[in-house]
């Protein structure tokens, strides 16, 4: 394309985002030329700051700017004896938007998948065990996608929690096998949460 190099660089930058192809990247790059300088300054600053300031919560592994995330800081309004175990941070946001769950979370950052070389020690399981031992947790709800990896992870968690004074359940799945949790509508997710079952 015969654009000035700075525009070509911007197009290449946009293409690095998920779901952005050549044409969309070009359209976004050209659109930025029409934005007010103030909007561009905020956008630019936000991009820099998010990388510098956002880290993981020391307790649940969700996104935070401090030692503890905003959810873990809500002790007075949360059920501190229940942990919902999720695959990634996007699912925490999904549950929070739904508004029907008031317990705590634990982000695994992946699912067990031996075929892909992801073993139990490669995801955030050790800190889950530590939390259950230290925080008087009474129920662990496993909310992972209905897939072979999800089932493997759920069964593994259930196995390692055997003998501990904690109920292990998983959300019911009224959705097709293999669908990503982030694409489930809120009503289906809420019904699945209410109809959760014990892990055998």
N, C-alpha and C. Protein backbone atom coordinates (compact mmCIF):
# COMPACT_ATOMS: atom_id res chain seq x y z
N UNK A 1 0.83 -1.20 0.00
CA UNK A 1 0.00 0.00 0.00
C UNK A 1 0.87 1.25 0.00
N UNK A 2 0.42 2.23 -0.71
CA UNK A 2 1.21 3.46 -0.82
C UNK A 2 0.77 4.50 0.20
N UNK A 3 0.84 4.13 1.46
CA UNK A 3 0.58 5.06 2.55
C UNK A 3 1.92 5.54 3.09
N UNK A 4 1.91 6.66 3.80
CA UNK A 4 3.13 7.03 4.53
C UNK A 4 3.51 5.90 5.50
N UNK A 5 4.80 5.76 5.77
CA UNK A 5 5.29 4.63 6.58
C UNK A 5 4.62 4.56 7.94
N UNK A 6 4.35 5.72 8.55
CA UNK A 6 3.75 5.73 9.89
C UNK A 6 2.36 5.10 9.87
N UNK A 7 1.62 5.27 8.79
CA UNK A 7 0.30 4.64 8.66
C UNK A 7 0.45 3.14 8.44
N UNK A 8 1.42 2.77 7.60
CA UNK A 8 1.68 1.33 7.40
C UNK A 8 2.05 0.66 8.72
N UNK A 9 2.84 1.35 9.54
CA UNK A 9 3.22 0.80 10.85
C UNK A 9 1.99 0.63 11.74
N UNK A 10 1.08 1.61 11.69
CA UNK A 10 -0.14 1.53 12.49
C UNK A 10 -1.03 0.38 12.02
N UNK A 11 -1.12 0.20 10.72
CA UNK A 11 -1.89 -0.92 10.16
C UNK A 11 -1.32 -2.25 10.66
N UNK A 12 0.00 -2.38 10.62
CA UNK A 12 0.64 -3.60 11.10
C UNK A 12 0.39 -3.82 12.59
N UNK A 13 0.34 -2.74 13.34
CA UNK A 13 0.07 -2.84 14.78
C UNK A 13 -1.35 -3.34 15.03
N UNK A 14 -2.32 -2.78 14.31
CA UNK A 14 -3.71 -3.21 14.47
C UNK A 14 -3.88 -4.68 14.08
N UNK A 15 -3.13 -5.14 13.11
CA UNK A 15 -3.24 -6.54 12.64
C UNK A 15 -2.80 -7.54 13.70
N UNK A 16 -2.06 -7.06 14.70
CA UNK A 16 -1.62 -7.95 15.78
C UNK A 16 -2.75 -8.25 16.76
N UNK A 17 -3.84 -7.48 16.71
CA UNK A 17 -4.98 -7.72 17.59
C UNK A 17 -5.80 -8.90 17.08
N UNK A 18 -6.42 -9.68 17.99
CA UNK A 18 -7.19 -10.85 17.56
C UNK A 18 -8.40 -10.45 16.71
N UNK A 19 -8.62 -11.17 15.63
CA UNK A 19 -9.79 -10.94 14.78
C UNK A 19 -9.66 -9.76 13.84
N UNK A 20 -8.50 -9.12 13.80
CA UNK A 20 -8.30 -7.97 12.91
C UNK A 20 -7.46 -8.38 11.72
N UNK A 21 -8.09 -8.33 10.53
CA UNK A 21 -7.38 -8.65 9.30
C UNK A 21 -6.87 -7.39 8.63
N UNK A 22 -6.36 -7.56 7.41
CA UNK A 22 -5.76 -6.46 6.66
C UNK A 22 -6.72 -5.29 6.44
N UNK A 23 -7.92 -5.58 5.96
CA UNK A 23 -8.86 -4.51 5.63
C UNK A 23 -9.34 -3.76 6.88
N UNK A 24 -9.65 -4.51 7.93
CA UNK A 24 -10.10 -3.87 9.18
C UNK A 24 -8.98 -3.02 9.77
N UNK A 25 -7.76 -3.54 9.73
CA UNK A 25 -6.61 -2.79 10.25
C UNK A 25 -6.41 -1.50 9.48
N UNK A 26 -6.57 -1.57 8.17
CA UNK A 26 -6.43 -0.37 7.34
C UNK A 26 -7.53 0.65 7.68
N UNK A 27 -8.75 0.16 7.84
CA UNK A 27 -9.88 1.04 8.15
C UNK A 27 -9.67 1.71 9.52
N UNK A 28 -9.20 0.95 10.51
CA UNK A 28 -8.95 1.51 11.84
C UNK A 28 -7.83 2.55 11.81
N UNK A 29 -6.78 2.24 11.08
CA UNK A 29 -5.64 3.17 10.99
C UNK A 29 -6.08 4.50 10.36
N UNK A 30 -6.85 4.43 9.30
CA UNK A 30 -7.33 5.65 8.64
C UNK A 30 -8.33 6.40 9.51
N UNK A 31 -9.11 5.65 10.28
CA UNK A 31 -10.10 6.28 11.17
C UNK A 31 -9.42 7.12 12.25
N UNK A 32 -8.25 6.66 12.72
CA UNK A 32 -7.55 7.39 13.78
C UNK A 32 -7.13 8.79 13.31
N UNK A 33 -6.97 8.97 12.01
CA UNK A 33 -6.60 10.29 11.49
C UNK A 33 -7.68 11.33 11.75
N UNK A 34 -8.93 10.88 11.89
CA UNK A 34 -10.04 11.80 12.10
C UNK A 34 -10.39 12.02 13.57
N UNK A 35 -9.70 11.32 14.46
CA UNK A 35 -9.98 11.48 15.89
C UNK A 35 -9.37 12.76 16.42
N UNK A 36 -10.02 13.35 17.42
CA UNK A 36 -9.45 14.52 18.09
C UNK A 36 -8.15 14.13 18.78
N UNK A 37 -7.24 15.08 18.87
CA UNK A 37 -5.96 14.83 19.50
C UNK A 37 -6.13 14.37 20.95
N UNK A 38 -7.12 14.93 21.63
CA UNK A 38 -7.37 14.58 23.03
C UNK A 38 -7.75 13.10 23.16
N UNK A 39 -8.60 12.63 22.25
CA UNK A 39 -9.00 11.22 22.25
C UNK A 39 -7.79 10.33 21.97
N UNK A 40 -6.98 10.73 21.01
CA UNK A 40 -5.78 9.95 20.67
C UNK A 40 -4.80 9.91 21.84
N UNK A 41 -4.68 11.01 22.56
CA UNK A 41 -3.77 11.06 23.71
C UNK A 41 -4.22 10.09 24.80
N UNK A 42 -5.54 10.07 25.07
CA UNK A 42 -6.08 9.15 26.08
C UNK A 42 -5.87 7.71 25.64
N UNK A 43 -6.13 7.43 24.36
CA UNK A 43 -5.96 6.09 23.81
C UNK A 43 -4.51 5.63 23.93
N UNK A 44 -3.59 6.50 23.54
CA UNK A 44 -2.17 6.19 23.59
C UNK A 44 -1.69 5.95 25.02
N UNK A 45 -2.12 6.83 25.93
CA UNK A 45 -1.74 6.69 27.34
C UNK A 45 -2.30 5.39 27.94
N UNK A 46 -3.55 5.07 27.59
CA UNK A 46 -4.17 3.86 28.11
C UNK A 46 -3.41 2.61 27.67
N UNK A 47 -2.98 2.59 26.42
CA UNK A 47 -2.21 1.45 25.91
C UNK A 47 -0.91 1.26 26.68
N UNK A 48 -0.24 2.36 26.97
CA UNK A 48 1.03 2.28 27.71
C UNK A 48 0.80 1.89 29.17
N UNK A 49 -0.20 2.51 29.79
CA UNK A 49 -0.43 2.31 31.21
C UNK A 49 -0.94 0.91 31.54
N UNK A 50 -1.75 0.34 30.65
CA UNK A 50 -2.33 -0.98 30.94
C UNK A 50 -1.23 -2.03 31.08
N UNK A 51 -0.19 -1.89 30.29
CA UNK A 51 0.93 -2.85 30.36
C UNK A 51 1.77 -2.62 31.61
N UNK A 52 1.91 -1.36 32.00
CA UNK A 52 2.74 -1.03 33.15
C UNK A 52 2.05 -1.31 34.48
N UNK A 53 0.74 -1.03 34.56
CA UNK A 53 0.06 -1.02 35.85
C UNK A 53 -0.75 -2.26 36.18
N UNK A 54 -1.23 -2.97 35.17
CA UNK A 54 -2.09 -4.12 35.45
C UNK A 54 -1.25 -5.36 35.72
N UNK A 55 -1.57 -6.03 36.83
CA UNK A 55 -0.89 -7.27 37.21
C UNK A 55 -1.95 -8.27 37.66
N UNK A 56 -1.52 -9.35 38.27
CA UNK A 56 -2.45 -10.37 38.75
C UNK A 56 -2.65 -10.24 40.25
N UNK A 57 -3.89 -10.46 40.68
CA UNK A 57 -4.24 -10.45 42.09
C UNK A 57 -3.47 -11.56 42.81
N UNK A 58 -2.89 -11.22 43.94
CA UNK A 58 -2.11 -12.20 44.71
C UNK A 58 -2.95 -13.32 45.30
N UNK A 59 -4.26 -13.09 45.35
CA UNK A 59 -5.14 -14.09 45.96
C UNK A 59 -5.82 -14.98 44.91
N UNK A 60 -6.49 -14.35 43.93
CA UNK A 60 -7.32 -15.13 42.99
C UNK A 60 -6.78 -15.18 41.56
N UNK A 61 -5.75 -14.37 41.26
CA UNK A 61 -5.12 -14.36 39.94
C UNK A 61 -5.93 -13.57 38.89
N UNK A 62 -6.92 -12.79 39.35
CA UNK A 62 -7.65 -11.92 38.43
C UNK A 62 -6.82 -10.66 38.18
N UNK A 63 -7.27 -9.81 37.26
CA UNK A 63 -6.54 -8.59 36.93
C UNK A 63 -6.70 -7.54 38.03
N UNK A 64 -5.61 -6.83 38.29
CA UNK A 64 -5.64 -5.83 39.35
C UNK A 64 -4.53 -4.82 39.16
N UNK A 65 -4.69 -3.66 39.78
CA UNK A 65 -3.62 -2.66 39.82
C UNK A 65 -2.95 -2.68 41.19
N UNK A 66 -3.50 -3.45 42.13
CA UNK A 66 -2.96 -3.52 43.48
C UNK A 66 -2.67 -4.97 43.84
N UNK A 67 -2.28 -5.20 45.09
CA UNK A 67 -1.99 -6.57 45.54
C UNK A 67 -3.22 -7.47 45.42
N UNK A 68 -4.39 -6.90 45.80
CA UNK A 68 -5.66 -7.62 45.69
C UNK A 68 -6.56 -6.92 44.69
N UNK A 69 -7.32 -7.70 43.92
CA UNK A 69 -8.24 -7.13 42.94
C UNK A 69 -9.48 -6.56 43.66
N UNK A 70 -10.30 -5.84 42.90
CA UNK A 70 -11.48 -5.20 43.50
C UNK A 70 -12.46 -6.24 44.05
N UNK A 71 -12.51 -7.42 43.45
CA UNK A 71 -13.42 -8.47 43.92
C UNK A 71 -12.96 -9.01 45.27
N UNK A 72 -11.68 -9.30 45.38
CA UNK A 72 -11.15 -9.83 46.64
C UNK A 72 -11.20 -8.79 47.76
N UNK A 73 -11.26 -7.52 47.41
CA UNK A 73 -11.36 -6.46 48.42
C UNK A 73 -12.79 -6.28 48.93
N UNK A 74 -13.77 -6.92 48.27
CA UNK A 74 -15.18 -6.78 48.67
C UNK A 74 -15.56 -7.81 49.73
N UNK A 75 -14.75 -8.01 50.73
CA UNK A 75 -14.98 -9.05 51.73
C UNK A 75 -16.35 -8.98 52.39
N UNK A 76 -16.83 -7.78 52.67
CA UNK A 76 -18.09 -7.62 53.40
C UNK A 76 -19.29 -8.08 52.59
N UNK A 77 -19.21 -8.01 51.29
CA UNK A 77 -20.37 -8.34 50.44
C UNK A 77 -20.23 -9.67 49.70
N UNK A 78 -19.17 -10.40 49.99
CA UNK A 78 -18.91 -11.66 49.28
C UNK A 78 -19.07 -12.85 50.21
N UNK A 79 -19.45 -13.99 49.61
CA UNK A 79 -19.44 -15.26 50.33
C UNK A 79 -18.00 -15.77 50.30
N UNK A 80 -17.29 -15.57 51.39
CA UNK A 80 -15.86 -15.89 51.44
C UNK A 80 -15.58 -17.38 51.63
N UNK A 81 -16.62 -18.19 51.63
CA UNK A 81 -16.42 -19.64 51.80
C UNK A 81 -16.61 -20.40 50.49
N UNK A 82 -16.92 -19.67 49.40
CA UNK A 82 -17.15 -20.30 48.10
C UNK A 82 -16.20 -19.73 47.06
N UNK A 83 -15.56 -20.62 46.31
CA UNK A 83 -14.66 -20.22 45.22
C UNK A 83 -15.18 -20.80 43.92
N UNK A 84 -15.30 -19.96 42.91
CA UNK A 84 -15.64 -20.39 41.56
C UNK A 84 -14.34 -20.45 40.76
N UNK A 85 -13.99 -21.63 40.29
CA UNK A 85 -12.74 -21.84 39.56
C UNK A 85 -13.02 -21.70 38.06
N UNK A 86 -12.29 -20.78 37.42
CA UNK A 86 -12.51 -20.51 35.99
C UNK A 86 -11.21 -20.64 35.22
N UNK A 87 -11.35 -20.76 33.91
CA UNK A 87 -10.18 -20.96 33.05
C UNK A 87 -9.37 -19.68 32.88
N UNK A 88 -10.04 -18.55 32.63
CA UNK A 88 -9.30 -17.30 32.39
C UNK A 88 -10.09 -16.09 32.90
N UNK A 89 -9.46 -14.93 32.85
CA UNK A 89 -10.03 -13.72 33.44
C UNK A 89 -11.33 -13.28 32.77
N UNK A 90 -11.51 -13.61 31.50
CA UNK A 90 -12.73 -13.20 30.80
C UNK A 90 -13.98 -13.80 31.43
N UNK A 91 -13.85 -15.00 31.99
CA UNK A 91 -15.00 -15.67 32.59
C UNK A 91 -15.40 -15.00 33.90
N UNK A 92 -14.44 -14.47 34.64
CA UNK A 92 -14.77 -13.72 35.84
C UNK A 92 -15.67 -12.54 35.47
N UNK A 93 -15.29 -11.81 34.44
CA UNK A 93 -16.07 -10.67 33.97
C UNK A 93 -17.47 -11.10 33.56
N UNK A 94 -17.57 -12.26 32.92
CA UNK A 94 -18.86 -12.79 32.49
C UNK A 94 -19.78 -13.04 33.69
N UNK A 95 -19.25 -13.67 34.72
CA UNK A 95 -20.04 -13.93 35.93
C UNK A 95 -20.42 -12.64 36.64
N UNK A 96 -19.51 -11.70 36.68
CA UNK A 96 -19.78 -10.43 37.36
C UNK A 96 -20.86 -9.63 36.63
N UNK A 97 -20.87 -9.67 35.32
CA UNK A 97 -21.92 -8.98 34.55
C UNK A 97 -23.27 -9.63 34.80
N UNK A 98 -23.28 -10.94 34.97
CA UNK A 98 -24.51 -11.68 35.24
C UNK A 98 -25.11 -11.24 36.56
N UNK A 99 -24.27 -11.04 37.56
CA UNK A 99 -24.71 -10.50 38.84
C UNK A 99 -25.33 -11.50 39.81
N UNK A 100 -25.41 -12.78 39.45
CA UNK A 100 -26.07 -13.75 40.32
C UNK A 100 -25.14 -14.50 41.25
N UNK A 101 -23.85 -14.34 41.07
CA UNK A 101 -22.87 -15.05 41.89
C UNK A 101 -22.17 -14.05 42.81
N UNK A 102 -22.04 -14.42 44.10
CA UNK A 102 -21.48 -13.47 45.07
C UNK A 102 -20.33 -14.06 45.88
N UNK A 103 -19.75 -15.14 45.36
CA UNK A 103 -18.60 -15.74 46.03
C UNK A 103 -17.29 -15.18 45.49
N UNK A 104 -16.22 -15.92 45.71
CA UNK A 104 -14.89 -15.55 45.24
C UNK A 104 -14.57 -16.30 43.96
N UNK A 105 -13.43 -16.00 43.36
CA UNK A 105 -12.99 -16.65 42.13
C UNK A 105 -11.57 -17.17 42.29
N UNK A 106 -11.22 -18.07 41.36
CA UNK A 106 -9.83 -18.49 41.22
C UNK A 106 -9.57 -18.74 39.74
N UNK A 107 -8.64 -17.98 39.17
CA UNK A 107 -8.34 -18.07 37.73
C UNK A 107 -7.18 -19.04 37.51
N UNK A 108 -7.45 -20.09 36.73
CA UNK A 108 -6.44 -21.11 36.47
C UNK A 108 -5.41 -20.71 35.43
N UNK A 109 -5.79 -19.87 34.49
CA UNK A 109 -4.95 -19.53 33.33
C UNK A 109 -4.65 -20.76 32.48
N UNK A 110 -5.70 -21.50 32.16
CA UNK A 110 -5.54 -22.66 31.29
C UNK A 110 -6.27 -23.87 31.83
N UNK A 111 -6.28 -24.92 31.02
CA UNK A 111 -6.88 -26.19 31.40
C UNK A 111 -5.88 -27.30 31.15
N UNK A 112 -6.01 -28.38 31.89
CA UNK A 112 -5.10 -29.53 31.70
C UNK A 112 -5.34 -30.13 30.32
N UNK A 113 -4.27 -30.25 29.56
CA UNK A 113 -4.36 -30.81 28.21
C UNK A 113 -3.04 -31.48 27.86
N UNK A 114 -2.87 -32.75 28.27
CA UNK A 114 -1.60 -33.46 28.02
C UNK A 114 -1.19 -33.47 26.54
N UNK A 115 -2.18 -33.52 25.64
CA UNK A 115 -1.85 -33.53 24.21
C UNK A 115 -1.16 -32.24 23.78
N UNK A 116 -1.49 -31.14 24.47
CA UNK A 116 -0.87 -29.85 24.17
C UNK A 116 0.30 -29.54 25.11
N UNK A 117 0.67 -30.53 25.91
CA UNK A 117 1.79 -30.35 26.83
C UNK A 117 1.46 -29.52 28.05
N UNK A 118 0.15 -29.38 28.37
CA UNK A 118 -0.25 -28.60 29.55
C UNK A 118 -0.65 -29.57 30.66
N UNK A 119 0.18 -29.65 31.67
CA UNK A 119 -0.03 -30.56 32.79
C UNK A 119 -0.54 -29.80 34.01
N UNK A 120 -0.97 -30.50 35.06
CA UNK A 120 -1.51 -29.83 36.25
C UNK A 120 -0.58 -28.75 36.82
N UNK A 121 0.72 -29.00 36.78
CA UNK A 121 1.66 -28.03 37.35
C UNK A 121 1.81 -26.78 36.47
N UNK A 122 1.27 -26.82 35.25
CA UNK A 122 1.39 -25.69 34.34
C UNK A 122 0.26 -24.66 34.50
N UNK A 123 -0.76 -25.01 35.28
CA UNK A 123 -1.85 -24.06 35.52
C UNK A 123 -1.89 -23.72 37.01
N UNK A 124 -2.70 -22.77 37.37
CA UNK A 124 -2.67 -22.17 38.71
C UNK A 124 -3.44 -23.00 39.74
N UNK A 125 -2.99 -24.24 39.96
CA UNK A 125 -3.67 -25.14 40.89
C UNK A 125 -3.09 -25.12 42.30
N UNK A 126 -1.78 -24.96 42.41
CA UNK A 126 -1.14 -25.01 43.72
C UNK A 126 -1.66 -23.92 44.65
N UNK A 127 -1.86 -22.71 44.08
CA UNK A 127 -2.37 -21.62 44.92
C UNK A 127 -3.84 -21.83 45.28
N UNK A 128 -4.58 -22.58 44.45
CA UNK A 128 -5.96 -22.93 44.79
C UNK A 128 -5.98 -23.82 46.03
N UNK A 129 -5.13 -24.82 46.04
CA UNK A 129 -5.02 -25.71 47.21
C UNK A 129 -4.64 -24.93 48.46
N UNK A 130 -3.72 -24.01 48.30
CA UNK A 130 -3.27 -23.20 49.44
C UNK A 130 -4.42 -22.35 49.99
N UNK A 131 -5.22 -21.78 49.08
CA UNK A 131 -6.36 -20.96 49.52
C UNK A 131 -7.39 -21.80 50.28
N UNK A 132 -7.66 -23.00 49.77
CA UNK A 132 -8.66 -23.86 50.40
C UNK A 132 -8.20 -24.24 51.81
N UNK A 133 -6.92 -24.49 51.97
CA UNK A 133 -6.38 -24.85 53.29
C UNK A 133 -6.44 -23.66 54.26
N UNK A 134 -6.14 -22.47 53.77
CA UNK A 134 -5.99 -21.30 54.65
C UNK A 134 -7.26 -20.50 54.87
N UNK A 135 -8.20 -20.52 53.91
CA UNK A 135 -9.31 -19.56 53.94
C UNK A 135 -10.65 -20.17 54.38
N UNK A 136 -10.65 -21.38 54.90
CA UNK A 136 -11.88 -22.02 55.36
C UNK A 136 -12.93 -22.11 54.26
N UNK A 137 -12.51 -22.48 53.07
CA UNK A 137 -13.41 -22.63 51.92
C UNK A 137 -14.26 -23.88 52.11
N UNK A 138 -15.57 -23.75 51.85
CA UNK A 138 -16.50 -24.86 52.02
C UNK A 138 -17.02 -25.42 50.70
N UNK A 139 -16.98 -24.62 49.63
CA UNK A 139 -17.43 -25.12 48.33
C UNK A 139 -16.53 -24.58 47.22
N UNK A 140 -16.18 -25.48 46.31
CA UNK A 140 -15.45 -25.11 45.10
C UNK A 140 -16.35 -25.42 43.91
N UNK A 141 -16.71 -24.37 43.17
CA UNK A 141 -17.53 -24.53 41.96
C UNK A 141 -16.60 -24.48 40.76
N UNK A 142 -16.61 -25.53 39.96
CA UNK A 142 -15.76 -25.56 38.78
C UNK A 142 -16.59 -25.08 37.58
N UNK A 143 -16.17 -23.97 36.99
CA UNK A 143 -16.90 -23.38 35.86
C UNK A 143 -15.97 -23.28 34.66
N UNK A 144 -15.76 -24.41 34.01
CA UNK A 144 -14.90 -24.45 32.83
C UNK A 144 -15.71 -24.93 31.64
N UNK A 145 -15.17 -24.71 30.44
CA UNK A 145 -15.93 -25.05 29.24
C UNK A 145 -16.14 -26.57 29.13
N UNK A 146 -17.27 -26.96 28.54
CA UNK A 146 -17.57 -28.39 28.40
C UNK A 146 -16.77 -29.02 27.27
N UNK A 147 -15.57 -29.43 27.59
CA UNK A 147 -14.66 -30.03 26.59
C UNK A 147 -13.88 -31.13 27.29
N UNK A 148 -13.10 -31.86 26.52
CA UNK A 148 -12.25 -32.90 27.11
C UNK A 148 -11.30 -32.28 28.13
N UNK A 149 -10.71 -31.12 27.77
CA UNK A 149 -9.78 -30.44 28.67
C UNK A 149 -10.50 -29.96 29.93
N UNK A 150 -11.71 -29.44 29.76
CA UNK A 150 -12.49 -28.97 30.90
C UNK A 150 -12.85 -30.11 31.84
N UNK A 151 -13.29 -31.23 31.27
CA UNK A 151 -13.65 -32.40 32.09
C UNK A 151 -12.42 -32.97 32.80
N UNK A 152 -11.31 -33.02 32.09
CA UNK A 152 -10.06 -33.52 32.69
C UNK A 152 -9.66 -32.66 33.88
N UNK A 153 -9.76 -31.35 33.70
CA UNK A 153 -9.39 -30.41 34.77
C UNK A 153 -10.34 -30.54 35.96
N UNK A 154 -11.65 -30.64 35.68
CA UNK A 154 -12.64 -30.77 36.75
C UNK A 154 -12.41 -32.05 37.55
N UNK A 155 -12.15 -33.13 36.88
CA UNK A 155 -11.92 -34.40 37.57
C UNK A 155 -10.62 -34.37 38.39
N UNK A 156 -9.61 -33.71 37.84
CA UNK A 156 -8.35 -33.62 38.56
C UNK A 156 -8.52 -32.80 39.84
N UNK A 157 -9.22 -31.67 39.74
CA UNK A 157 -9.45 -30.84 40.92
C UNK A 157 -10.25 -31.62 41.97
N UNK A 158 -11.28 -32.33 41.51
CA UNK A 158 -12.08 -33.14 42.42
C UNK A 158 -11.21 -34.17 43.13
N UNK A 159 -10.30 -34.77 42.39
CA UNK A 159 -9.43 -35.82 42.95
C UNK A 159 -8.49 -35.26 44.01
N UNK A 160 -7.87 -34.11 43.73
CA UNK A 160 -6.89 -33.57 44.68
C UNK A 160 -7.55 -32.98 45.92
N UNK A 161 -8.88 -32.74 45.83
CA UNK A 161 -9.59 -32.19 46.99
C UNK A 161 -10.27 -33.28 47.82
N UNK A 162 -10.14 -34.53 47.39
CA UNK A 162 -10.71 -35.64 48.15
C UNK A 162 -10.13 -35.66 49.56
N UNK A 163 -11.00 -35.89 50.53
CA UNK A 163 -10.55 -35.95 51.91
C UNK A 163 -10.51 -34.61 52.61
N UNK A 164 -10.69 -33.54 51.84
CA UNK A 164 -10.75 -32.21 52.45
C UNK A 164 -12.21 -31.87 52.73
N UNK A 165 -12.44 -31.05 53.72
CA UNK A 165 -13.81 -30.69 54.11
C UNK A 165 -14.35 -29.60 53.19
N UNK A 166 -14.55 -29.97 51.92
CA UNK A 166 -15.02 -29.01 50.92
C UNK A 166 -15.89 -29.74 49.89
N UNK A 167 -17.01 -29.11 49.55
CA UNK A 167 -17.89 -29.66 48.51
C UNK A 167 -17.37 -29.20 47.16
N UNK A 168 -17.23 -30.14 46.24
CA UNK A 168 -16.78 -29.80 44.89
C UNK A 168 -17.95 -30.00 43.93
N UNK A 169 -18.31 -28.95 43.23
CA UNK A 169 -19.39 -29.04 42.24
C UNK A 169 -18.93 -28.41 40.95
N UNK A 170 -19.67 -28.67 39.89
CA UNK A 170 -19.38 -27.97 38.63
C UNK A 170 -20.68 -27.50 38.03
N UNK A 171 -20.61 -26.42 37.27
CA UNK A 171 -21.83 -25.88 36.69
C UNK A 171 -22.39 -26.86 35.68
N UNK A 172 -23.72 -26.91 35.61
CA UNK A 172 -24.38 -27.73 34.60
C UNK A 172 -24.18 -27.07 33.25
N UNK A 173 -24.12 -27.86 32.22
CA UNK A 173 -23.88 -27.31 30.89
C UNK A 173 -25.07 -27.57 29.98
N UNK A 174 -25.84 -26.52 29.73
CA UNK A 174 -26.92 -26.62 28.76
C UNK A 174 -26.47 -26.06 27.43
N UNK A 175 -25.20 -26.23 27.14
CA UNK A 175 -24.62 -25.67 25.92
C UNK A 175 -23.88 -26.78 25.18
N UNK A 176 -23.66 -26.61 23.90
CA UNK A 176 -22.98 -27.66 23.13
C UNK A 176 -21.54 -27.88 23.61
N UNK A 177 -21.09 -29.13 23.52
CA UNK A 177 -19.71 -29.46 23.85
C UNK A 177 -18.78 -28.70 22.91
N UNK A 178 -17.73 -28.11 23.50
CA UNK A 178 -16.72 -27.45 22.69
C UNK A 178 -16.87 -25.95 22.56
N UNK A 179 -18.01 -25.39 23.00
CA UNK A 179 -18.19 -23.94 22.87
C UNK A 179 -17.38 -23.22 23.95
N UNK A 180 -16.83 -22.05 23.62
CA UNK A 180 -16.09 -21.26 24.60
C UNK A 180 -17.06 -20.60 25.55
N UNK A 181 -16.71 -20.57 26.84
CA UNK A 181 -17.59 -20.01 27.87
C UNK A 181 -17.97 -18.56 27.58
N UNK A 182 -17.06 -17.79 26.97
CA UNK A 182 -17.33 -16.37 26.77
C UNK A 182 -18.47 -16.12 25.79
N UNK A 183 -18.88 -17.14 25.01
CA UNK A 183 -19.95 -16.97 24.04
C UNK A 183 -21.31 -17.44 24.55
N UNK A 184 -21.36 -17.88 25.82
CA UNK A 184 -22.62 -18.34 26.40
C UNK A 184 -23.41 -17.12 26.88
N UNK A 185 -24.71 -17.09 26.58
CA UNK A 185 -25.51 -15.96 27.03
C UNK A 185 -25.72 -16.02 28.55
N UNK A 186 -26.03 -14.87 29.13
CA UNK A 186 -26.11 -14.75 30.59
C UNK A 186 -27.17 -15.65 31.21
N UNK A 187 -28.32 -15.79 30.56
CA UNK A 187 -29.40 -16.62 31.11
C UNK A 187 -28.98 -18.08 31.19
N UNK A 188 -28.39 -18.59 30.11
CA UNK A 188 -27.91 -19.97 30.10
C UNK A 188 -26.86 -20.18 31.18
N UNK A 189 -25.96 -19.20 31.32
CA UNK A 189 -24.91 -19.30 32.33
C UNK A 189 -25.49 -19.29 33.74
N UNK A 190 -26.48 -18.44 33.97
CA UNK A 190 -27.09 -18.35 35.29
C UNK A 190 -27.81 -19.66 35.64
N UNK A 191 -28.53 -20.22 34.68
CA UNK A 191 -29.24 -21.49 34.92
C UNK A 191 -28.24 -22.62 35.17
N UNK A 192 -27.14 -22.61 34.42
CA UNK A 192 -26.12 -23.64 34.61
C UNK A 192 -25.49 -23.52 35.99
N UNK A 193 -25.28 -22.31 36.45
CA UNK A 193 -24.70 -22.10 37.78
C UNK A 193 -25.65 -22.60 38.87
N UNK A 194 -26.93 -22.30 38.73
CA UNK A 194 -27.91 -22.72 39.72
C UNK A 194 -28.09 -24.24 39.73
N UNK A 195 -27.89 -24.88 38.57
CA UNK A 195 -28.11 -26.32 38.45
C UNK A 195 -26.79 -27.09 38.51
N UNK A 196 -25.82 -26.56 39.23
CA UNK A 196 -24.52 -27.22 39.29
C UNK A 196 -24.63 -28.58 39.98
N UNK A 197 -23.75 -29.48 39.61
CA UNK A 197 -23.77 -30.86 40.12
C UNK A 197 -22.45 -31.18 40.82
N UNK A 198 -22.51 -32.12 41.75
CA UNK A 198 -21.30 -32.59 42.40
C UNK A 198 -20.42 -33.33 41.40
N UNK A 199 -19.11 -33.21 41.53
CA UNK A 199 -18.20 -33.94 40.67
C UNK A 199 -17.96 -35.31 41.28
N UNK A 200 -18.26 -36.36 40.52
CA UNK A 200 -18.12 -37.73 41.06
C UNK A 200 -16.67 -38.12 41.21
